[in-house]
N, C-alpha and C. Protein backbone atom coordinates (compact mmCIF):
# COMPACT_ATOMS: atom_id res chain seq x y z
N MET A 1 -59.23 28.27 -3.95
CA MET A 1 -58.75 28.39 -2.84
C MET A 1 -57.86 27.17 -2.41
N GLU A 2 -56.65 27.47 -1.84
CA GLU A 2 -55.60 26.49 -1.65
C GLU A 2 -55.77 25.94 -0.17
N LYS A 3 -55.69 24.69 -0.17
CA LYS A 3 -55.84 23.99 1.23
C LYS A 3 -54.63 23.07 1.37
N SER A 4 -54.42 22.71 2.65
CA SER A 4 -53.33 21.84 2.95
C SER A 4 -53.74 20.55 3.54
N ILE A 5 -53.22 19.56 3.08
CA ILE A 5 -53.56 18.18 3.60
C ILE A 5 -52.30 17.61 4.24
N ILE A 6 -52.42 17.05 5.46
CA ILE A 6 -51.29 16.39 6.11
C ILE A 6 -51.49 14.91 6.09
N LEU A 7 -50.49 14.36 5.35
CA LEU A 7 -50.40 12.84 5.14
C LEU A 7 -49.42 12.18 6.13
N HIS A 8 -50.06 11.27 6.81
CA HIS A 8 -49.18 10.51 7.66
C HIS A 8 -48.86 9.05 7.01
N GLY A 9 -47.49 8.89 7.18
CA GLY A 9 -46.99 7.50 6.73
C GLY A 9 -46.91 7.46 5.26
N HIS A 10 -47.17 6.25 4.63
CA HIS A 10 -46.92 6.06 3.28
C HIS A 10 -48.06 6.42 2.33
N ILE A 11 -47.92 7.08 1.21
CA ILE A 11 -48.87 7.32 0.26
C ILE A 11 -48.35 6.84 -1.03
N PRO A 12 -49.16 6.00 -1.75
CA PRO A 12 -48.79 5.40 -3.11
C PRO A 12 -48.25 6.67 -4.01
N ASN A 13 -47.21 6.42 -4.75
CA ASN A 13 -46.71 7.40 -5.62
C ASN A 13 -47.70 8.01 -6.69
N LYS A 14 -48.39 7.09 -7.31
CA LYS A 14 -49.41 7.58 -8.23
C LYS A 14 -50.42 8.43 -7.74
N LEU A 15 -51.01 8.14 -6.51
CA LEU A 15 -52.00 9.03 -5.81
C LEU A 15 -51.30 10.29 -5.57
N PHE A 16 -49.99 10.35 -5.10
CA PHE A 16 -49.29 11.57 -4.71
C PHE A 16 -49.21 12.48 -5.95
N VAL A 17 -48.74 11.87 -7.06
CA VAL A 17 -48.55 12.76 -8.32
C VAL A 17 -49.91 13.32 -8.82
N TYR A 18 -51.00 12.48 -8.74
CA TYR A 18 -52.36 12.87 -9.18
C TYR A 18 -52.76 14.10 -8.34
N LEU A 19 -52.70 13.89 -6.97
CA LEU A 19 -53.04 15.05 -6.06
C LEU A 19 -52.19 16.31 -6.24
N LYS A 20 -50.99 16.15 -6.53
CA LYS A 20 -50.07 17.40 -6.69
C LYS A 20 -50.41 17.98 -7.97
N LYS A 21 -50.72 17.16 -9.07
CA LYS A 21 -51.02 17.77 -10.39
C LYS A 21 -52.45 18.30 -10.57
N ASN A 22 -53.42 17.74 -9.96
CA ASN A 22 -54.84 18.04 -10.21
C ASN A 22 -55.61 18.75 -9.20
N CYS A 23 -54.97 18.88 -7.94
CA CYS A 23 -55.73 19.43 -6.91
C CYS A 23 -54.97 20.68 -6.46
N TYR A 24 -55.73 21.73 -5.99
CA TYR A 24 -55.21 22.86 -5.49
C TYR A 24 -54.83 22.75 -3.96
N ILE A 25 -53.80 21.86 -3.71
CA ILE A 25 -53.67 21.68 -2.26
C ILE A 25 -52.18 21.66 -2.16
N ASN A 26 -51.71 21.86 -0.83
CA ASN A 26 -50.30 21.62 -0.41
C ASN A 26 -50.33 20.31 0.23
N LEU A 27 -49.45 19.47 -0.08
CA LEU A 27 -49.22 18.19 0.60
C LEU A 27 -48.12 18.28 1.49
N ILE A 28 -48.42 17.98 2.67
CA ILE A 28 -47.39 18.07 3.82
C ILE A 28 -47.16 16.56 4.24
N MET A 29 -45.99 15.99 4.03
CA MET A 29 -45.59 14.62 4.42
C MET A 29 -45.04 14.59 5.74
N ARG A 30 -45.60 13.72 6.63
CA ARG A 30 -44.94 13.59 7.98
C ARG A 30 -44.45 12.12 7.99
N LYS A 31 -43.06 12.18 8.33
CA LYS A 31 -42.50 10.84 8.60
C LYS A 31 -42.74 10.26 9.78
N LYS A 32 -42.98 8.89 9.71
CA LYS A 32 -43.27 8.09 10.99
C LYS A 32 -42.19 8.37 11.96
N VAL A 33 -42.66 8.58 13.21
CA VAL A 33 -41.80 8.82 14.28
C VAL A 33 -41.81 7.65 15.27
N PHE A 34 -40.91 7.06 15.64
CA PHE A 34 -40.94 5.96 16.57
C PHE A 34 -40.13 6.48 17.84
N ARG A 35 -40.74 6.19 19.07
CA ARG A 35 -40.23 6.56 20.17
C ARG A 35 -40.28 5.38 21.22
N SER A 36 -39.21 5.25 22.01
CA SER A 36 -39.19 4.34 23.04
C SER A 36 -38.75 4.98 24.27
N TYR A 37 -38.99 4.36 25.40
CA TYR A 37 -38.81 4.95 26.80
C TYR A 37 -38.10 3.97 27.79
N LYS A 38 -37.21 4.66 28.62
CA LYS A 38 -36.48 3.72 29.54
C LYS A 38 -36.40 4.58 30.76
N GLU A 39 -36.52 3.86 31.88
CA GLU A 39 -36.35 4.65 33.19
C GLU A 39 -35.10 4.04 33.89
N PHE A 40 -34.31 4.94 34.35
CA PHE A 40 -33.12 4.63 35.27
C PHE A 40 -33.50 5.16 36.63
N SER A 41 -33.49 4.41 37.65
CA SER A 41 -33.95 4.83 39.00
C SER A 41 -33.11 4.23 40.13
N GLY A 42 -33.46 4.86 41.36
CA GLY A 42 -32.83 4.25 42.61
C GLY A 42 -31.48 4.87 42.90
N TYR A 43 -31.20 6.20 42.50
CA TYR A 43 -29.96 6.71 42.69
C TYR A 43 -30.01 7.74 43.80
N SER A 44 -29.59 7.46 45.09
CA SER A 44 -29.61 8.31 46.31
C SER A 44 -28.50 9.24 46.03
N THR A 45 -28.89 10.54 45.71
CA THR A 45 -27.82 11.63 45.42
C THR A 45 -28.21 12.85 46.31
N ALA A 46 -26.95 13.30 46.89
CA ALA A 46 -27.04 14.47 47.72
C ALA A 46 -26.49 15.68 46.80
N PHE A 47 -27.03 16.89 47.08
CA PHE A 47 -26.55 18.17 46.41
C PHE A 47 -27.01 19.37 47.20
N ARG A 48 -26.58 20.41 46.70
CA ARG A 48 -26.98 21.65 47.29
C ARG A 48 -27.03 22.83 46.27
N GLN A 49 -27.97 23.70 46.36
CA GLN A 49 -28.00 24.89 45.43
C GLN A 49 -27.42 26.02 46.32
N TRP A 50 -26.10 26.23 46.06
CA TRP A 50 -25.41 27.18 46.98
C TRP A 50 -25.90 28.68 46.66
N ARG A 51 -26.41 28.89 45.52
CA ARG A 51 -26.92 30.31 45.22
C ARG A 51 -28.35 30.40 45.74
N ALA A 52 -29.06 29.46 46.25
CA ALA A 52 -30.40 29.69 46.83
C ALA A 52 -30.56 30.46 48.01
N ASP A 53 -31.69 31.16 48.10
CA ASP A 53 -32.05 31.90 49.26
C ASP A 53 -32.95 31.13 50.12
N SER A 54 -33.03 29.86 49.78
CA SER A 54 -34.05 29.02 50.66
C SER A 54 -33.32 27.84 51.30
N HIS A 55 -34.13 26.85 51.83
CA HIS A 55 -33.52 25.78 52.30
C HIS A 55 -32.86 24.74 51.43
N CYS A 56 -32.88 25.08 50.06
CA CYS A 56 -32.30 24.25 49.00
C CYS A 56 -30.70 24.70 49.08
N LYS A 57 -30.15 25.65 49.84
CA LYS A 57 -28.89 25.98 49.95
C LYS A 57 -28.12 24.87 50.83
N TYR A 58 -28.90 24.06 51.62
CA TYR A 58 -28.24 23.12 52.49
C TYR A 58 -28.15 21.87 51.76
N VAL A 59 -27.22 21.04 52.14
CA VAL A 59 -27.01 19.75 51.51
C VAL A 59 -28.27 18.84 51.77
N HIS A 60 -28.82 18.25 50.75
CA HIS A 60 -30.09 17.53 51.03
C HIS A 60 -29.96 16.50 49.78
N GLY A 61 -30.85 15.48 49.89
CA GLY A 61 -30.79 14.46 48.91
C GLY A 61 -32.10 13.84 48.52
N TYR A 62 -32.13 13.19 47.37
CA TYR A 62 -33.21 12.53 46.82
C TYR A 62 -33.03 11.19 46.28
N ALA A 63 -33.92 10.34 46.03
CA ALA A 63 -33.64 9.04 45.27
C ALA A 63 -34.18 9.47 43.78
N LEU A 64 -33.09 10.01 43.17
CA LEU A 64 -33.29 10.43 41.68
C LEU A 64 -33.71 9.26 40.83
N ARG A 65 -34.65 9.61 39.97
CA ARG A 65 -35.12 8.84 38.81
C ARG A 65 -35.08 9.64 37.50
N PHE A 66 -34.54 8.99 36.55
CA PHE A 66 -34.34 9.50 35.26
C PHE A 66 -35.27 8.80 34.16
N LYS A 67 -36.15 9.51 33.56
CA LYS A 67 -36.98 8.97 32.43
C LYS A 67 -36.39 9.46 31.15
N VAL A 68 -36.10 8.62 30.23
CA VAL A 68 -35.38 8.92 28.96
C VAL A 68 -36.27 8.39 27.80
N TRP A 69 -36.54 9.37 26.86
CA TRP A 69 -37.33 8.99 25.49
C TRP A 69 -36.29 9.08 24.40
N PHE A 70 -36.26 7.92 23.70
CA PHE A 70 -35.37 7.91 22.45
C PHE A 70 -36.31 7.98 21.21
N GLU A 71 -35.86 8.45 20.15
CA GLU A 71 -36.56 8.52 18.91
C GLU A 71 -35.68 8.19 17.77
N GLY A 72 -36.26 7.60 16.79
CA GLY A 72 -35.45 7.21 15.49
C GLY A 72 -36.18 6.29 14.56
N ASP A 73 -35.41 5.78 13.64
CA ASP A 73 -35.99 4.71 12.85
C ASP A 73 -35.79 3.41 13.47
N LEU A 74 -36.60 2.47 13.06
CA LEU A 74 -36.61 1.16 13.68
C LEU A 74 -35.37 0.37 13.06
N ASP A 75 -34.73 -0.46 13.88
CA ASP A 75 -33.70 -1.39 13.40
C ASP A 75 -34.36 -2.70 12.73
N GLU A 76 -33.51 -3.65 12.39
CA GLU A 76 -34.02 -4.83 11.78
C GLU A 76 -34.88 -5.72 12.88
N ARG A 77 -34.79 -5.51 14.15
CA ARG A 77 -35.57 -6.01 15.14
C ARG A 77 -36.89 -5.27 15.33
N ASN A 78 -37.06 -4.20 14.67
CA ASN A 78 -38.15 -3.12 14.92
C ASN A 78 -38.04 -2.55 16.28
N TRP A 79 -36.79 -2.24 16.74
CA TRP A 79 -36.55 -1.46 18.00
C TRP A 79 -35.92 -0.11 17.67
N VAL A 80 -36.34 0.87 18.37
CA VAL A 80 -35.64 2.28 18.38
C VAL A 80 -34.19 2.03 18.92
N VAL A 81 -34.28 1.51 20.13
CA VAL A 81 -32.99 1.29 20.92
C VAL A 81 -33.02 -0.14 21.55
N ASP A 82 -32.03 -0.85 21.48
CA ASP A 82 -31.82 -2.11 22.19
C ASP A 82 -31.47 -1.75 23.77
N PHE A 83 -32.48 -1.95 24.59
CA PHE A 83 -32.30 -1.60 26.02
C PHE A 83 -31.21 -2.41 26.53
N GLY A 84 -30.80 -3.58 25.97
CA GLY A 84 -29.72 -4.30 26.48
C GLY A 84 -28.42 -3.70 26.30
N CYS A 85 -28.27 -2.72 25.46
CA CYS A 85 -26.99 -2.02 25.25
C CYS A 85 -26.58 -1.25 26.47
N PHE A 86 -27.51 -0.85 27.38
CA PHE A 86 -27.05 0.00 28.48
C PHE A 86 -26.19 -0.63 29.49
N LYS A 87 -26.22 -1.95 29.59
CA LYS A 87 -25.28 -2.76 30.41
C LYS A 87 -23.99 -2.93 29.65
N ARG A 88 -24.16 -3.31 28.39
CA ARG A 88 -22.99 -3.57 27.55
C ARG A 88 -22.10 -2.41 27.25
N ASN A 89 -22.67 -1.21 27.00
CA ASN A 89 -21.83 0.04 26.66
C ASN A 89 -21.43 0.91 27.92
N GLY A 90 -21.78 0.36 29.19
CA GLY A 90 -21.41 1.14 30.45
C GLY A 90 -22.28 2.12 30.89
N VAL A 91 -23.52 2.31 30.29
CA VAL A 91 -24.52 3.44 30.77
C VAL A 91 -24.90 3.09 32.20
N LYS A 92 -25.30 1.86 32.55
CA LYS A 92 -25.79 1.60 33.83
C LYS A 92 -24.70 1.76 34.89
N ASP A 93 -23.51 1.50 34.57
CA ASP A 93 -22.32 1.78 35.47
C ASP A 93 -22.14 3.21 35.68
N TRP A 94 -22.30 3.92 34.56
CA TRP A 94 -22.06 5.38 34.61
C TRP A 94 -23.09 6.05 35.55
N PHE A 95 -24.36 5.74 35.46
CA PHE A 95 -25.38 6.26 36.24
C PHE A 95 -25.11 6.07 37.67
N LYS A 96 -24.60 4.79 37.94
CA LYS A 96 -24.32 4.33 39.38
C LYS A 96 -23.16 5.20 40.01
N TYR A 97 -22.14 5.23 39.06
CA TYR A 97 -20.84 6.00 39.49
C TYR A 97 -21.33 7.56 39.69
N GLN A 98 -22.13 8.10 38.85
CA GLN A 98 -22.28 9.61 38.85
C GLN A 98 -23.38 9.89 40.08
N PHE A 99 -24.42 9.11 40.20
CA PHE A 99 -25.55 9.49 41.12
C PHE A 99 -25.87 8.49 42.27
N ASP A 100 -25.22 7.33 42.25
CA ASP A 100 -25.70 6.44 43.37
C ASP A 100 -24.87 6.67 44.69
N HIS A 101 -25.50 7.16 45.75
CA HIS A 101 -24.90 7.45 47.02
C HIS A 101 -23.62 8.44 46.76
N THR A 102 -23.90 9.54 46.07
CA THR A 102 -22.86 10.41 45.85
C THR A 102 -23.27 11.82 46.25
N THR A 103 -22.43 12.72 46.34
CA THR A 103 -22.69 14.04 46.55
C THR A 103 -22.24 14.88 45.39
N CYS A 104 -23.07 15.48 44.72
CA CYS A 104 -22.88 16.29 43.57
C CYS A 104 -22.78 17.76 43.98
N ILE A 105 -21.68 18.29 43.54
CA ILE A 105 -21.36 19.91 43.97
C ILE A 105 -20.93 20.51 42.75
N ALA A 106 -21.51 22.00 42.70
CA ALA A 106 -20.98 22.69 41.53
C ALA A 106 -19.70 23.21 41.55
N GLU A 107 -18.94 23.26 40.58
CA GLU A 107 -17.49 23.49 40.54
C GLU A 107 -17.21 24.91 41.04
N ASP A 108 -18.19 25.80 41.09
CA ASP A 108 -17.93 27.09 41.73
C ASP A 108 -18.59 27.25 43.13
N ASP A 109 -18.97 26.27 43.69
CA ASP A 109 -19.41 26.33 45.09
C ASP A 109 -18.34 26.81 45.87
N PRO A 110 -18.69 27.88 46.81
CA PRO A 110 -17.69 28.56 47.51
C PRO A 110 -17.12 27.59 48.67
N HIS A 111 -17.79 26.62 48.94
CA HIS A 111 -17.20 25.61 49.98
C HIS A 111 -16.65 24.26 49.37
N ILE A 112 -16.31 24.42 48.12
CA ILE A 112 -15.73 23.13 47.35
C ILE A 112 -14.68 22.48 48.13
N GLU A 113 -13.69 23.18 48.81
CA GLU A 113 -12.57 22.60 49.50
C GLU A 113 -13.10 21.76 50.71
N VAL A 114 -14.15 22.13 51.34
CA VAL A 114 -14.78 21.55 52.52
C VAL A 114 -15.30 20.05 51.90
N PHE A 115 -15.91 20.07 50.77
CA PHE A 115 -16.42 18.79 50.28
C PHE A 115 -15.26 17.99 49.80
N LYS A 116 -14.28 18.50 49.19
CA LYS A 116 -12.99 17.77 48.82
C LYS A 116 -12.46 17.16 50.02
N SER A 117 -12.32 17.77 51.16
CA SER A 117 -11.87 17.38 52.36
C SER A 117 -12.68 16.11 52.86
N MET A 118 -14.03 16.35 52.70
CA MET A 118 -14.81 15.16 53.14
C MET A 118 -14.67 13.95 52.36
N GLU A 119 -14.37 14.10 51.05
CA GLU A 119 -14.11 12.92 50.23
C GLU A 119 -12.78 12.34 50.74
N GLU A 120 -11.81 13.17 50.86
CA GLU A 120 -10.52 12.59 51.30
C GLU A 120 -10.60 11.86 52.53
N SER A 121 -11.45 12.29 53.39
CA SER A 121 -11.76 11.63 54.75
C SER A 121 -12.60 10.29 54.52
N GLY A 122 -13.09 10.15 53.40
CA GLY A 122 -13.95 9.01 53.11
C GLY A 122 -15.38 9.09 53.53
N LEU A 123 -15.77 10.35 53.76
CA LEU A 123 -17.06 10.58 54.29
C LEU A 123 -18.20 10.77 53.04
N ILE A 124 -17.63 11.06 51.89
CA ILE A 124 -18.63 11.30 50.82
C ILE A 124 -17.85 10.85 49.45
N GLN A 125 -18.74 10.49 48.55
CA GLN A 125 -18.20 10.13 47.04
C GLN A 125 -18.65 11.49 46.38
N LEU A 126 -17.56 12.28 46.26
CA LEU A 126 -17.82 13.58 45.59
C LEU A 126 -17.63 13.59 44.03
N ARG A 127 -18.73 14.25 43.39
CA ARG A 127 -18.80 14.49 42.05
C ARG A 127 -19.00 15.94 41.75
N ILE A 128 -17.88 16.49 41.21
CA ILE A 128 -17.92 17.80 40.89
C ILE A 128 -18.41 18.18 39.35
N MET A 129 -19.47 18.91 39.32
CA MET A 129 -20.16 19.13 38.03
C MET A 129 -20.13 20.61 37.69
N SER A 130 -20.34 21.02 36.48
CA SER A 130 -20.27 22.40 36.13
C SER A 130 -21.55 23.13 36.88
N ASP A 131 -22.61 22.46 36.95
CA ASP A 131 -23.83 23.00 37.75
C ASP A 131 -24.52 21.79 38.27
N VAL A 132 -25.47 22.03 39.34
CA VAL A 132 -26.22 20.88 39.77
C VAL A 132 -27.68 21.38 39.95
N GLY A 133 -28.52 20.40 40.22
CA GLY A 133 -30.01 20.59 40.28
C GLY A 133 -30.71 19.72 39.12
N CYS A 134 -31.97 19.57 39.46
CA CYS A 134 -32.56 18.66 38.44
C CYS A 134 -32.55 18.89 36.96
N GLU A 135 -32.67 20.34 36.77
CA GLU A 135 -32.58 20.78 35.39
C GLU A 135 -31.23 20.46 34.77
N LYS A 136 -30.08 20.71 35.49
CA LYS A 136 -28.82 20.48 35.07
C LYS A 136 -28.47 18.94 34.91
N PHE A 137 -29.01 18.16 35.83
CA PHE A 137 -28.80 16.77 35.83
C PHE A 137 -29.51 16.20 34.66
N ALA A 138 -30.70 16.62 34.26
CA ALA A 138 -31.47 16.15 33.09
C ALA A 138 -30.58 16.62 31.89
N GLU A 139 -30.11 17.64 31.71
CA GLU A 139 -29.22 18.05 30.63
C GLU A 139 -27.87 17.27 30.56
N TYR A 140 -27.29 17.14 31.72
CA TYR A 140 -26.17 16.28 31.68
C TYR A 140 -26.43 14.83 31.20
N VAL A 141 -27.43 14.21 31.67
CA VAL A 141 -27.74 12.80 31.23
C VAL A 141 -28.04 12.86 29.71
N PHE A 142 -28.91 13.86 29.31
CA PHE A 142 -29.21 13.95 27.87
C PHE A 142 -27.90 13.99 27.01
N GLU A 143 -26.94 14.82 27.35
CA GLU A 143 -25.78 15.05 26.50
C GLU A 143 -24.89 13.69 26.57
N TYR A 144 -24.72 13.00 27.63
CA TYR A 144 -24.09 11.89 27.79
C TYR A 144 -24.75 10.76 27.02
N LEU A 145 -26.04 10.58 27.23
CA LEU A 145 -26.73 9.40 26.67
C LEU A 145 -26.81 9.62 25.07
N ASN A 146 -27.16 10.92 24.70
CA ASN A 146 -27.36 11.04 23.30
C ASN A 146 -26.11 10.70 22.49
N LYS A 147 -24.92 11.02 22.95
CA LYS A 147 -23.67 10.52 22.25
C LYS A 147 -23.53 9.05 22.23
N LYS A 148 -23.94 8.30 23.36
CA LYS A 148 -23.86 7.00 23.38
C LYS A 148 -24.75 6.27 22.47
N ILE A 149 -26.04 6.88 22.36
CA ILE A 149 -27.08 6.24 21.41
C ILE A 149 -26.71 6.49 20.10
N GLU A 150 -26.21 7.66 19.67
CA GLU A 150 -25.83 7.91 18.26
C GLU A 150 -24.81 6.87 17.87
N ASP A 151 -23.71 6.69 18.76
CA ASP A 151 -22.68 5.82 18.52
C ASP A 151 -23.22 4.26 18.36
N GLU A 152 -24.14 4.00 19.37
CA GLU A 152 -24.69 2.70 19.39
C GLU A 152 -25.48 2.24 18.18
N THR A 153 -26.23 3.34 17.54
CA THR A 153 -27.10 3.08 16.54
C THR A 153 -26.55 3.63 15.20
N GLY A 154 -25.40 4.13 15.14
CA GLY A 154 -24.87 4.57 13.93
C GLY A 154 -25.63 5.87 13.45
N GLY A 155 -26.13 6.67 14.36
CA GLY A 155 -26.78 7.79 13.99
C GLY A 155 -28.39 7.61 13.68
N ARG A 156 -28.80 6.37 13.76
CA ARG A 156 -30.20 6.00 13.41
C ARG A 156 -31.13 6.51 14.43
N ALA A 157 -30.77 6.67 15.82
CA ALA A 157 -31.64 7.05 16.76
C ALA A 157 -30.95 8.15 17.67
N ARG A 158 -31.66 8.68 18.37
CA ARG A 158 -31.16 10.01 19.33
C ARG A 158 -32.09 9.91 20.59
N VAL A 159 -31.57 10.74 21.59
CA VAL A 159 -32.31 10.90 22.70
C VAL A 159 -33.34 12.13 22.46
N HIS A 160 -34.57 11.83 22.71
CA HIS A 160 -35.71 12.94 22.50
C HIS A 160 -35.69 13.87 23.65
N LYS A 161 -35.86 13.36 24.88
CA LYS A 161 -35.85 14.17 26.03
C LYS A 161 -35.47 13.33 27.33
N VAL A 162 -35.08 14.14 28.37
CA VAL A 162 -34.67 13.42 29.65
C VAL A 162 -35.49 14.18 30.66
N GLN A 163 -36.19 13.45 31.54
CA GLN A 163 -36.73 14.08 32.89
C GLN A 163 -35.92 13.48 34.09
N CYS A 164 -35.65 14.50 34.90
CA CYS A 164 -35.00 14.05 36.22
C CYS A 164 -36.04 14.31 37.26
N TRP A 165 -36.49 13.22 38.03
CA TRP A 165 -37.44 13.34 39.15
C TRP A 165 -36.75 13.19 40.48
N GLU A 166 -37.04 14.25 41.34
CA GLU A 166 -36.63 14.31 42.64
C GLU A 166 -37.54 13.26 43.52
N HIS A 167 -38.74 13.47 43.23
CA HIS A 167 -39.88 12.62 43.78
C HIS A 167 -41.07 12.66 43.05
N GLY A 168 -42.17 12.16 43.56
CA GLY A 168 -43.42 12.13 42.74
C GLY A 168 -44.00 13.52 42.31
N GLU A 169 -43.57 14.59 43.04
CA GLU A 169 -44.15 15.81 42.80
C GLU A 169 -43.25 16.80 42.02
N ASN A 170 -41.90 16.62 42.04
CA ASN A 170 -40.93 17.43 41.40
C ASN A 170 -40.09 16.86 40.31
N MET A 171 -40.14 17.62 39.21
CA MET A 171 -39.34 17.09 38.00
C MET A 171 -38.95 18.12 37.14
N ALA A 172 -37.82 17.88 36.45
CA ALA A 172 -37.25 18.92 35.43
C ALA A 172 -37.08 18.10 34.26
N GLU A 173 -37.29 18.67 33.06
CA GLU A 173 -37.10 18.17 31.74
C GLU A 173 -36.21 18.98 30.90
N TYR A 174 -35.32 18.18 30.04
CA TYR A 174 -34.43 18.85 29.05
C TYR A 174 -34.71 18.23 27.80
N ARG A 175 -34.83 19.02 26.75
CA ARG A 175 -34.88 18.42 25.36
C ARG A 175 -33.71 19.25 24.63
N GLY A 176 -32.85 18.53 24.00
CA GLY A 176 -31.68 19.05 23.28
C GLY A 176 -32.18 19.77 21.92
């Protein structure tokens, strides 16, 4: 009867060879996975779901919070990601530009010209996106940050997932 054994972490080579040769087992090696986490919060963002049949079709806003998990191999300092890089590489400025006191509108919103006029009048800071809502914001942040992290770490680390929180009870998550 063949059995499987899951081995976590390092196994001495001699033991591995012995087990493979002399036992009727499948050896499944699992690589160590390191994850770290960063929160980006305090972004007062207005948007609307123009396709909704509910009150969500109206312009409304939240203090958005993004929770981001990174994974990869450790660097020489034993870090997955250097959190100091977010100021250095413009990520914090990007979050502020995109989500802080802004109005995010879908590019196909039938009233987009009204929002453009409001921006021209100095009433809003308009951000036109392919789609809006927590799910799409989480995906948008994932795609942006993953490229930045891969560049920053030379491909050693990546974004594992992003959560976009409207408030303590509503959240959407995206994993690429």
